Amino acid sequence: MEAAVSLATLDVPADPSPSSAPELPPGPTAPALVQLLRSGFRPVAFLEDCARRYGDPFTVRLPGTPPLVFFSDPDAIKDIFTGDPETHRAGEANVDLAPMLGQHSLLMLDGARHLRERRLMLPAFHGERMQLYARVMREITARAIATWPVGRPFPIHREMQAITLDVILRTVFGFDDGAELVRLRARLLALIAYVTGPLGVVLFVPWLQADLGPLSPGGRFVRHARGVDELLYAAIARRRAEGTAGRDDILSMLIDARYDDGTAMDDQALRDEMVTLLLAGHETTATSLAWAFHHVLARPDVLEKLRAELARVVGDEPVEARHIAALEYLDAVIKETARMKPVVPNVGRRLQVPTRIGGHLLPAGSVASPCIYLTHHRPDVWPDPERFLPERFLGTRPSPYAFFPFGGGVRRCLGAAFATYEMKIVLAEVLSRAALRPAPGSDVHVVRRTVTFAPSAGMPVVLDSR
C-alpha cells in the first residue's frame, strides 16, 4: 500500500484566488518536533483541529522532512493522483520508511524504476491468484479461533495480527509449520513491536536513527532489523537452491520473474519487497480487521445482516473463493470500515517543480498530501460522516478521489485486492464460528502506531461461545 506520513487561529478566505507565486498554505506554527508529538499522541484531533483552524489545504512541518500540505477536497486530490509521476514523486515522499523497507522497496521508487518493478510484481497479485490462498486463510483463522479464551476479554487486534502474519508467511514465503517459520515470526513480531511502539518515532527523526550502541533507539532498531534480514536472506538463498517448481508462493514467483531485459531480481531487491509485503501487508490488514469488529459488534443490526448473508450465500459450507463475489453486504461493511477508520491517514507526492493543486500554487520540494482521513469524513461528500452505514456502498461505486483507502493513481496499493480478499475470508470465518461482543467498559479510540491509525487497547472483545 501507499505509505503515510498545533496552532494559532488564522482567517482563511472562503474562496482563495490562485496566487501568482508559489507559497505554502497556512498551518501550525509550533516547532516541528511539537507537531510530530501532537500528531502522534492525538492524531485525529490534530488533523481535525488543523482543518478547522486553517481550512483546506493546510501545511504541517515534521522534523527532517519537507513541508506536508494536506488536502481533503476531491478536486485537488484528483490533481495530485493524475499528476505526472516524474514531477509528483511518491517514493521521495516515503523517504522516512527507507530504514525499515530498504531502497529497493516499491514504496521507495519513482519514475521508470517504479514502473519497471510494479510490472514485475503485478502478476503475483492478480485477482485469480487469490483463489489459491482461500484455504490457507480459512485454516489459519479457524486454528486461531480455537485458541481464544471464552468468557474473558482479549484484544482482537493482536489476534488479527497473528492471523495476517501467518497468512503472509505462508502465501508470500510459502513457509510450512516448522522451526524456520517460528524463528522468523518471533523476530518479525519483535521488530513490529519496536517500530509501532513509543520508540517508533526513530523512523521520523533522522538524528535518532544513528546506531550509537545496542541501547540507543537507532541501535535497537538496527539489531531488530538485522535479525529479520538474516532469516530472510537465508530463506531466499534456500529457495534459489531448492528451485521453485510446483510452488505458488509469491517469493517463488518473484524469483522466477524477469524484467523486460531478461534479468531477474537480485537478493537485495527481493529482501526489500518481501519486507514491504510482510510489514505493510500484515499490519494494515490486521488493523482494518480490528476496526471492522469494532464497528460490527457495536451494531447488532449490521451483525444480523452479515450473518443472514453468510447463511444465504455460504450456508454450512466453508467459505470459498466462489462465494466472495456474492457477499455484497460484507464488501460494503469492509468499505465503510475503511471510510470511517482508514488505517493509513495520508499519502504524499513530493513536487519537483512549482505545481498548482486545487487552485494553490505550491513550491517545489513540498509534499502534496491527500488526507485519507479528512476526505473520508467530509460531510459534503459523505452525509452524516460519523455514522457507520455500509449501505453507502451498495450498488454504487464512489469516486477514487473521494474514497481511496489504498491510495490512488499509479501508486495505488499493489496488494489492495489481496488485503480485501483476506479480510472477507477472515471476517466470514470468524462471524460463522464465534459469538463475539465488545468487552464491557472498553472505550476504544484511535491511537497512532507509527504510520497507522489503530484501535486503542487492541480493541478488547469477549468470546461467548464457538
Protein backbone atom coordinates (compact mmCIF):
# COMPACT_ATOMS: atom_id res chain seq x y z
CA MET A 1 0.00 0.00 0.00
CA GLU A 2 0.91 3.63 -0.10
CA ALA A 3 2.68 4.92 2.98
CA ALA A 4 1.69 7.69 5.29
CA VAL A 5 3.21 10.05 6.51
CA SER A 6 -0.97 22.88 16.73
CA LEU A 7 -1.85 26.14 16.29
CA ALA A 8 -2.88 29.81 16.07
CA THR A 9 -6.20 30.83 14.54
CA LEU A 10 -5.99 32.45 11.11
CA ASP A 11 -8.72 33.88 8.93
CA VAL A 12 -8.87 31.73 5.81
CA PRO A 13 -10.67 33.14 2.72
CA ALA A 14 -13.72 31.10 1.77
CA ASP A 15 -12.64 31.06 -1.88
CA PRO A 16 -8.92 31.74 -2.15
CA SER A 17 -7.85 33.10 -5.53
CA PRO A 18 -4.89 31.45 -7.23
CA SER A 19 -1.60 33.06 -6.23
CA SER A 20 0.99 34.09 -8.80
CA ALA A 21 3.98 32.96 -6.73
CA PRO A 22 4.44 29.58 -5.08
CA GLU A 23 3.63 29.61 -1.38
CA LEU A 24 2.71 27.20 1.38
CA PRO A 25 -0.82 27.36 2.80
CA PRO A 26 -1.15 28.33 6.48
CA GLY A 27 -0.68 25.73 9.18
CA PRO A 28 0.51 25.19 12.74
CA THR A 29 3.39 27.43 13.82
CA ALA A 30 4.62 25.19 16.65
CA PRO A 31 8.13 23.67 16.27
CA ALA A 32 8.32 20.61 14.03
CA LEU A 33 9.03 18.25 16.92
CA VAL A 34 5.98 19.55 18.78
CA GLN A 35 3.83 18.96 15.70
CA LEU A 36 5.21 15.42 15.44
CA LEU A 37 4.32 14.72 19.08
CA ARG A 38 0.83 16.18 18.71
CA SER A 39 0.16 14.15 15.59
CA GLY A 40 1.50 11.08 17.39
CA PHE A 41 -0.42 11.30 20.65
CA ARG A 42 -3.67 12.89 19.40
CA PRO A 43 -3.68 12.05 15.69
CA VAL A 44 -7.35 12.60 14.85
CA ALA A 45 -7.70 15.70 17.00
CA PHE A 46 -4.55 17.12 15.37
CA LEU A 47 -5.91 16.69 11.85
CA GLU A 48 -9.38 17.94 12.69
CA ASP A 49 -8.01 20.92 14.59
CA CYS A 50 -5.76 21.91 11.68
CA ALA A 51 -8.63 21.59 9.21
CA ARG A 52 -10.92 23.67 11.41
CA ARG A 53 -8.36 26.41 12.10
CA TYR A 54 -6.63 26.71 8.74
CA GLY A 55 -9.07 25.33 6.21
CA ASP A 56 -8.22 23.15 3.23
CA PRO A 57 -5.34 22.85 2.46
CA PHE A 58 -3.05 23.35 5.44
CA THR A 59 0.68 22.83 5.99
CA VAL A 60 2.30 20.61 8.64
CA ARG A 61 6.01 20.53 9.42
CA LEU A 62 7.74 17.49 10.91
CA PRO A 63 11.42 17.03 11.82
CA GLY A 64 13.78 16.32 8.95
CA THR A 65 11.10 16.22 6.26
CA PRO A 66 9.77 18.67 3.66
CA PRO A 67 6.60 20.63 4.44
CA LEU A 68 3.45 18.47 4.15
CA VAL A 69 0.47 20.18 2.54
CA PHE A 70 -2.72 18.28 3.45
CA PHE A 71 -5.68 18.26 1.06
CA SER A 72 -9.17 16.80 1.51
CA ASP A 73 -11.00 18.32 -1.46
CA PRO A 74 -11.63 15.60 -4.10
CA ASP A 75 -10.89 18.00 -6.97
CA ALA A 76 -7.48 18.81 -5.51
CA ILE A 77 -6.84 15.12 -4.82
CA LYS A 78 -7.60 14.37 -8.46
CA ASP A 79 -4.93 16.91 -9.42
CA ILE A 80 -2.44 15.04 -7.22
CA PHE A 81 -3.30 11.49 -8.28
CA THR A 82 -3.40 12.31 -12.00
CA GLY A 83 -0.24 14.43 -11.95
CA ASP A 84 2.90 13.49 -13.86
CA PRO A 85 4.74 10.80 -11.84
CA GLU A 86 8.02 12.45 -12.84
CA THR A 87 7.09 15.65 -11.03
CA HIS A 88 4.78 14.12 -8.35
CA ARG A 89 7.13 11.65 -6.67
CA ALA A 90 5.64 9.27 -4.12
CA GLY A 91 8.92 7.46 -3.45
CA GLU A 92 10.60 10.65 -2.29
CA ALA A 93 7.58 11.39 -0.08
CA ASN A 94 8.09 7.99 1.63
CA VAL A 95 11.75 8.55 2.47
CA ASP A 96 11.08 8.14 6.22
CA LEU A 97 10.37 4.45 5.63
CA ALA A 98 13.68 3.71 3.88
CA PRO A 99 15.48 2.50 7.03
CA MET A 100 12.83 -0.17 7.52
CA LEU A 101 11.79 -1.12 3.98
CA GLY A 102 15.03 -0.59 2.05
CA GLN A 103 15.86 1.49 -1.00
CA HIS A 104 14.56 -1.14 -3.46
CA SER A 105 11.06 -1.31 -1.98
CA LEU A 106 8.31 -0.43 -4.44
CA LEU A 107 7.21 2.27 -1.99
CA MET A 108 10.59 4.00 -2.29
CA LEU A 109 10.86 4.04 -6.08
CA ASP A 110 9.83 6.69 -8.59
CA GLY A 111 9.55 7.10 -12.33
CA ALA A 112 10.78 4.38 -14.66
CA ARG A 113 12.23 2.31 -11.81
CA HIS A 114 8.88 2.21 -10.06
CA LEU A 115 7.02 1.26 -13.24
CA ARG A 116 9.56 -1.47 -14.04
CA GLU A 117 9.28 -3.00 -10.55
CA ARG A 118 5.49 -2.72 -10.42
CA ARG A 119 5.12 -4.51 -13.75
CA LEU A 120 7.31 -7.34 -12.49
CA MET A 121 5.31 -7.76 -9.27
CA LEU A 122 1.80 -7.28 -10.68
CA PRO A 123 1.19 -10.91 -11.78
CA ALA A 124 1.75 -12.12 -8.20
CA PHE A 125 -1.30 -10.12 -7.12
CA HIS A 126 -3.65 -10.91 -9.99
CA GLY A 127 -7.20 -11.47 -8.77
CA GLU A 128 -7.32 -15.05 -9.98
CA ARG A 129 -4.33 -15.96 -7.81
CA MET A 130 -6.27 -15.03 -4.70
CA GLN A 131 -8.38 -18.15 -5.12
CA LEU A 132 -5.31 -20.26 -4.38
CA TYR A 133 -4.99 -18.73 -0.94
CA ALA A 134 -8.57 -19.08 0.36
CA ARG A 135 -7.97 -22.43 2.05
CA VAL A 136 -4.79 -21.22 3.77
CA MET A 137 -6.52 -18.08 5.07
CA ARG A 138 -9.51 -20.06 6.31
CA GLU A 139 -7.44 -22.73 8.06
CA ILE A 140 -5.21 -20.20 9.82
CA THR A 141 -8.28 -18.30 11.03
CA ALA A 142 -10.06 -21.43 12.28
CA ARG A 143 -6.95 -22.54 14.15
CA ALA A 144 -6.65 -19.11 15.80
CA ILE A 145 -10.32 -19.07 16.88
CA ALA A 146 -9.80 -22.40 18.64
CA THR A 147 -7.24 -20.78 20.97
CA TRP A 148 -9.34 -17.76 22.01
CA PRO A 149 -10.43 -17.73 25.67
CA VAL A 150 -14.13 -17.99 26.44
CA GLY A 151 -15.80 -15.52 28.76
CA ARG A 152 -12.94 -13.10 29.40
CA PRO A 153 -11.70 -10.07 27.43
CA PHE A 154 -8.85 -10.31 24.95
CA PRO A 155 -7.54 -7.85 22.30
CA ILE A 156 -8.87 -8.83 18.88
CA HIS A 157 -6.25 -6.65 17.17
CA ARG A 158 -3.48 -8.89 18.50
CA GLU A 159 -5.30 -11.98 17.24
CA MET A 160 -5.81 -10.42 13.79
CA GLN A 161 -2.10 -9.61 13.68
CA ALA A 162 -1.28 -13.25 14.40
CA ILE A 163 -3.63 -14.40 11.62
CA THR A 164 -2.44 -11.93 8.98
CA LEU A 165 1.22 -12.55 9.78
CA ASP A 166 0.82 -16.30 9.34
CA VAL A 167 -1.11 -15.71 6.10
CA ILE A 168 1.74 -13.56 4.77
CA LEU A 169 4.42 -16.05 5.86
CA ARG A 170 2.62 -18.89 4.09
CA THR A 171 1.40 -17.15 0.94
CA VAL A 172 4.36 -14.83 0.39
CA PHE A 173 7.16 -17.14 1.54
CA GLY A 174 5.47 -20.50 1.29
CA PHE A 175 6.59 -21.49 4.80
CA ASP A 176 5.03 -24.54 6.40
CA ASP A 177 4.93 -25.19 10.13
CA GLY A 178 8.46 -25.65 11.38
CA ALA A 179 11.45 -24.03 13.02
CA GLU A 180 12.02 -21.62 10.11
CA LEU A 181 8.54 -20.14 10.40
CA VAL A 182 8.72 -19.98 14.21
CA ARG A 183 12.05 -18.11 14.19
CA LEU A 184 11.03 -15.60 11.53
CA ARG A 185 7.65 -14.97 13.18
CA ALA A 186 9.34 -14.25 16.51
CA ARG A 187 11.86 -11.84 15.03
CA LEU A 188 9.24 -10.07 12.94
CA LEU A 189 6.99 -9.61 15.96
CA ALA A 190 9.89 -8.10 17.91
CA LEU A 191 10.66 -5.68 15.06
CA ILE A 192 7.00 -4.74 14.60
CA ALA A 193 6.53 -4.19 18.34
CA TYR A 194 9.51 -1.85 18.34
CA VAL A 195 8.62 0.27 15.29
CA THR A 196 4.94 0.55 16.27
CA GLY A 197 5.71 1.33 19.91
CA PRO A 198 6.72 4.64 21.52
CA LEU A 199 10.26 4.44 20.08
CA GLY A 200 8.90 4.02 16.54
CA VAL A 201 9.44 7.78 16.27
CA VAL A 202 13.01 6.81 15.32
CA LEU A 203 11.72 6.41 11.76
CA PHE A 204 10.74 10.09 11.58
CA VAL A 205 13.62 11.81 13.37
CA PRO A 206 16.85 11.39 11.34
CA TRP A 207 19.22 12.11 14.24
CA LEU A 208 17.62 9.29 16.25
CA GLN A 209 18.39 6.75 13.52
CA ALA A 210 22.13 6.63 14.21
CA ASP A 211 23.40 3.36 15.69
CA LEU A 212 25.01 4.56 18.91
CA GLY A 213 25.07 1.14 20.53
CA PRO A 214 22.58 -1.57 21.48
CA LEU A 215 20.72 0.65 23.96
CA SER A 216 20.25 3.64 21.65
CA PRO A 217 16.94 3.94 19.72
CA GLY A 218 18.68 3.62 16.37
CA GLY A 219 20.88 0.79 17.61
CA ARG A 220 17.93 -1.22 18.88
CA PHE A 221 16.14 -0.76 15.56
CA VAL A 222 19.22 -1.82 13.57
CA ARG A 223 19.62 -5.01 15.62
CA HIS A 224 15.95 -5.96 15.30
CA ALA A 225 16.09 -5.37 11.54
CA ARG A 226 19.36 -7.28 11.19
CA GLY A 227 17.85 -10.31 12.94
CA VAL A 228 14.97 -10.37 10.45
CA ASP A 229 17.29 -9.86 7.48
CA GLU A 230 19.47 -12.83 8.42
CA LEU A 231 16.48 -15.18 8.17
CA LEU A 232 15.07 -13.53 5.03
CA TYR A 233 18.34 -13.81 3.09
CA ALA A 234 18.70 -17.42 4.25
CA ALA A 235 15.18 -18.21 3.03
CA ILE A 236 15.86 -16.56 -0.34
CA ALA A 237 19.12 -18.49 -0.77
CA ARG A 238 17.45 -21.77 0.18
CA ARG A 239 14.60 -21.22 -2.28
CA ARG A 240 17.03 -20.43 -5.10
CA ALA A 241 18.98 -23.59 -4.30
CA GLU A 242 15.92 -25.84 -3.99
CA GLY A 243 14.15 -24.42 -7.02
CA THR A 244 10.61 -23.12 -7.41
CA ALA A 245 8.97 -25.92 -9.37
CA GLY A 246 5.46 -26.68 -8.16
CA ARG A 247 5.34 -23.73 -5.75
CA ASP A 248 2.70 -20.97 -5.84
CA ASP A 249 4.02 -18.61 -3.15
CA ILE A 250 4.90 -15.03 -4.07
CA LEU A 251 8.62 -15.37 -3.28
CA SER A 252 8.92 -18.20 -5.79
CA MET A 253 7.03 -16.18 -8.41
CA LEU A 254 9.33 -13.20 -7.95
CA ILE A 255 12.45 -15.37 -8.13
CA ASP A 256 11.18 -16.69 -11.48
CA ALA A 257 10.03 -13.30 -12.78
CA ARG A 258 12.09 -11.41 -15.35
CA TYR A 259 12.32 -7.77 -16.30
CA ASP A 260 11.87 -6.78 -19.94
CA ASP A 261 15.62 -7.11 -20.49
CA GLY A 262 15.61 -10.69 -19.22
CA THR A 263 17.30 -10.00 -15.87
CA ALA A 264 15.95 -11.16 -12.51
CA MET A 265 15.55 -9.51 -9.11
CA ASP A 266 18.69 -9.66 -7.01
CA ASP A 267 18.66 -10.69 -3.35
CA GLN A 268 18.59 -7.11 -2.04
CA ALA A 269 15.55 -6.20 -4.15
CA LEU A 270 13.80 -9.43 -3.12
CA ARG A 271 14.51 -8.70 0.53
CA ASP A 272 13.15 -5.16 0.29
CA GLU A 273 9.94 -6.24 -1.44
CA MET A 274 9.43 -9.11 0.99
CA VAL A 275 9.85 -6.80 4.00
CA THR A 276 7.40 -4.36 2.44
CA LEU A 277 4.81 -7.12 2.00
CA LEU A 278 5.45 -8.56 5.45
CA LEU A 279 5.26 -5.30 7.37
CA ALA A 280 2.84 -3.21 5.32
CA GLY A 281 0.51 -6.04 4.33
CA HIS A 282 0.43 -7.68 7.75
CA GLU A 283 -0.05 -4.61 9.96
CA THR A 284 -2.54 -2.72 7.79
CA THR A 285 -4.82 -5.70 7.15
CA ALA A 286 -4.84 -6.72 10.81
CA THR A 287 -5.72 -3.19 11.88
CA SER A 288 -8.51 -2.93 9.31
CA LEU A 289 -9.95 -6.19 10.61
CA ALA A 290 -9.84 -4.93 14.20
CA TRP A 291 -11.70 -1.77 13.17
CA ALA A 292 -14.28 -3.88 11.33
CA PHE A 293 -15.02 -5.80 14.54
CA HIS A 294 -15.20 -2.53 16.44
CA HIS A 295 -17.99 -1.26 14.20
CA VAL A 296 -19.84 -4.52 13.54
CA LEU A 297 -20.00 -5.67 17.16
CA ALA A 298 -21.37 -2.29 18.21
CA ARG A 299 -24.22 -2.59 15.72
CA PRO A 300 -26.48 -5.66 16.21
CA ASP A 301 -28.42 -4.72 13.06
CA VAL A 302 -25.27 -4.83 10.94
CA LEU A 303 -24.14 -8.09 12.54
CA GLU A 304 -27.55 -9.65 11.86
CA LYS A 305 -27.43 -8.63 8.19
CA LEU A 306 -23.92 -10.04 7.82
CA ARG A 307 -24.87 -13.38 9.36
CA ALA A 308 -28.02 -13.57 7.24
CA GLU A 309 -25.98 -13.00 4.09
CA LEU A 310 -23.42 -15.63 5.11
CA ALA A 311 -26.20 -18.13 5.80
CA ARG A 312 -27.78 -17.42 2.41
CA VAL A 313 -24.60 -17.41 0.31
CA VAL A 314 -22.29 -19.80 2.15
CA GLY A 315 -24.65 -21.91 4.25
CA ASP A 316 -22.94 -24.74 6.12
CA GLU A 317 -20.03 -24.93 3.67
CA PRO A 318 -16.58 -23.46 4.27
CA VAL A 319 -16.30 -20.01 2.72
CA GLU A 320 -14.59 -20.39 -0.66
CA ALA A 321 -13.40 -18.09 -3.40
CA ARG A 322 -16.61 -18.74 -5.36
CA HIS A 323 -18.67 -17.22 -2.52
CA ILE A 324 -16.77 -13.95 -2.29
CA ALA A 325 -18.37 -12.02 -5.15
CA ALA A 326 -21.87 -12.71 -3.79
CA LEU A 327 -21.08 -11.37 -0.31
CA GLU A 328 -22.09 -7.82 -1.21
CA TYR A 329 -23.02 -6.63 2.27
CA LEU A 330 -19.74 -7.96 3.67
CA ASP A 331 -17.93 -6.00 0.97
CA ALA A 332 -19.90 -2.87 1.93
CA VAL A 333 -19.01 -3.35 5.61
CA ILE A 334 -15.31 -3.55 4.73
CA LYS A 335 -15.52 -0.42 2.58
CA GLU A 336 -17.45 1.55 5.23
CA THR A 337 -14.87 0.49 7.82
CA ALA A 338 -12.12 1.79 5.53
CA ARG A 339 -14.03 5.04 5.08
CA MET A 340 -14.55 5.70 8.77
CA LYS A 341 -11.25 4.30 10.03
CA PRO A 342 -8.64 4.42 7.26
CA VAL A 343 -5.58 2.67 8.60
CA VAL A 344 -3.13 4.99 6.84
CA PRO A 345 -4.25 8.61 7.33
CA ASN A 346 -2.50 10.21 4.37
CA VAL A 347 -0.27 9.61 1.36
CA GLY A 348 2.06 12.02 -0.41
CA ARG A 349 3.75 13.23 -3.58
CA ARG A 350 6.91 15.33 -3.39
CA LEU A 351 6.71 18.06 -6.01
CA GLN A 352 9.75 18.54 -8.25
CA VAL A 353 8.55 21.83 -9.74
CA PRO A 354 6.11 24.54 -8.60
CA THR A 355 2.69 22.95 -9.10
CA ARG A 356 -0.87 24.24 -8.96
CA ILE A 357 -3.15 21.93 -6.98
CA GLY A 358 -6.73 22.83 -6.22
CA GLY A 359 -6.06 26.48 -7.07
CA HIS A 360 -2.95 26.71 -4.86
CA LEU A 361 0.49 27.08 -6.39
CA LEU A 362 2.81 25.01 -4.18
CA PRO A 363 6.60 25.37 -4.19
CA ALA A 364 8.97 22.71 -5.48
CA GLY A 365 10.19 20.42 -2.70
CA SER A 366 6.94 20.43 -0.73
CA VAL A 367 4.83 17.30 -0.36
CA ALA A 368 1.22 17.38 -1.59
CA SER A 369 -0.56 15.01 0.76
CA PRO A 370 -4.08 13.69 0.11
CA CYS A 371 -5.50 13.21 3.60
CA ILE A 372 -7.49 9.99 3.53
CA TYR A 373 -8.96 10.51 6.98
CA LEU A 374 -10.24 14.06 6.41
CA THR A 375 -11.55 13.30 2.91
CA HIS A 376 -13.47 10.27 4.18
CA HIS A 377 -15.12 12.47 6.83
CA ARG A 378 -16.19 15.41 4.67
CA PRO A 379 -19.94 15.97 5.22
CA ASP A 380 -20.33 17.46 1.73
CA VAL A 381 -19.07 14.17 0.25
CA TRP A 382 -20.26 11.69 2.89
CA PRO A 383 -23.51 12.85 4.56
CA ASP A 384 -23.61 12.10 8.29
CA PRO A 385 -19.95 11.01 8.10
CA GLU A 386 -19.69 9.82 11.72
CA ARG A 387 -22.43 7.24 11.22
CA PHE A 388 -21.40 3.69 10.27
CA LEU A 389 -23.61 2.99 7.25
CA PRO A 390 -22.49 0.14 4.95
CA GLU A 391 -25.48 0.82 2.69
CA ARG A 392 -23.50 3.76 1.28
CA PHE A 393 -21.55 1.26 -0.79
CA LEU A 394 -24.35 -0.99 -2.03
CA GLY A 395 -25.00 -0.63 -5.74
CA THR A 396 -22.65 2.29 -6.18
CA ARG A 397 -19.00 2.95 -6.92
CA PRO A 398 -17.53 6.02 -5.17
CA SER A 399 -15.14 8.41 -6.84
CA PRO A 400 -11.49 7.32 -6.46
CA TYR A 401 -10.76 10.89 -5.34
CA ALA A 402 -13.32 10.79 -2.53
CA PHE A 403 -12.66 7.22 -1.35
CA PHE A 404 -9.08 5.98 -1.53
CA PRO A 405 -8.08 3.82 1.47
CA PHE A 406 -5.37 2.19 -0.67
CA GLY A 407 -4.02 5.41 -2.15
CA GLY A 408 -4.57 6.36 -5.76
CA GLY A 409 -3.31 6.86 -9.27
CA VAL A 410 -0.36 4.80 -10.48
CA ARG A 411 0.68 4.35 -6.84
CA ARG A 412 -2.49 2.62 -5.65
CA CYS A 413 -1.57 -0.25 -3.33
CA LEU A 414 -0.50 -3.30 -5.33
CA GLY A 415 -1.83 -5.58 -2.58
CA ALA A 416 -5.30 -3.98 -2.33
CA ALA A 417 -7.08 -7.00 -3.85
CA PHE A 418 -5.12 -9.41 -1.65
CA ALA A 419 -5.90 -7.44 1.52
CA THR A 420 -9.62 -7.10 0.71
CA TYR A 421 -9.89 -10.77 -0.16
CA GLU A 422 -8.17 -11.77 3.07
CA MET A 423 -10.46 -9.54 5.13
CA LYS A 424 -13.53 -11.16 3.58
CA ILE A 425 -12.29 -14.68 4.30
CA VAL A 426 -11.28 -13.87 7.89
CA LEU A 427 -14.45 -11.95 8.75
CA ALA A 428 -16.68 -14.62 7.22
CA GLU A 429 -14.86 -17.36 9.12
CA VAL A 430 -14.94 -15.55 12.47
CA LEU A 431 -18.59 -14.47 12.20
CA SER A 432 -19.59 -18.02 11.25
CA ARG A 433 -17.66 -19.70 14.06
CA ALA A 434 -17.55 -17.29 17.02
CA ALA A 435 -20.06 -15.30 19.06
CA LEU A 436 -18.17 -12.12 19.98
CA ARG A 437 -19.21 -8.95 21.80
CA PRO A 438 -17.34 -5.79 22.83
CA ALA A 439 -15.63 -6.07 26.20
CA PRO A 440 -17.67 -4.23 28.85
CA GLY A 441 -16.38 -0.80 29.78
CA SER A 442 -13.99 -0.52 26.84
CA ASP A 443 -13.64 2.96 25.35
CA VAL A 444 -11.95 2.39 22.03
CA HIS A 445 -10.38 5.35 20.25
CA VAL A 446 -7.75 5.97 17.59
CA VAL A 447 -4.08 5.64 18.51
CA ARG A 448 -1.15 6.06 16.17
CA ARG A 449 1.17 3.11 15.58
CA THR A 450 3.98 4.81 13.63
CA VAL A 451 2.22 5.25 10.25
CA THR A 452 -1.12 3.60 11.04
CA PHE A 453 -4.28 4.54 12.96
CA ALA A 454 -5.20 1.61 15.22
CA PRO A 455 -7.83 0.94 17.93
CA SER A 456 -6.72 1.60 21.50
CA ALA A 457 -6.09 -1.32 23.86
CA GLY A 458 -6.15 -3.68 20.90
CA MET A 459 -9.96 -3.48 20.61
CA PRO A 460 -10.99 -5.73 23.56
CA VAL A 461 -13.72 -8.31 22.90
CA VAL A 462 -15.27 -11.24 24.72
CA LEU A 463 -15.93 -14.63 23.13
CA ASP A 464 -19.19 -16.07 24.48
CA SER A 465 -19.10 -19.32 22.50
CA ARG A 466 -17.63 -21.02 19.47
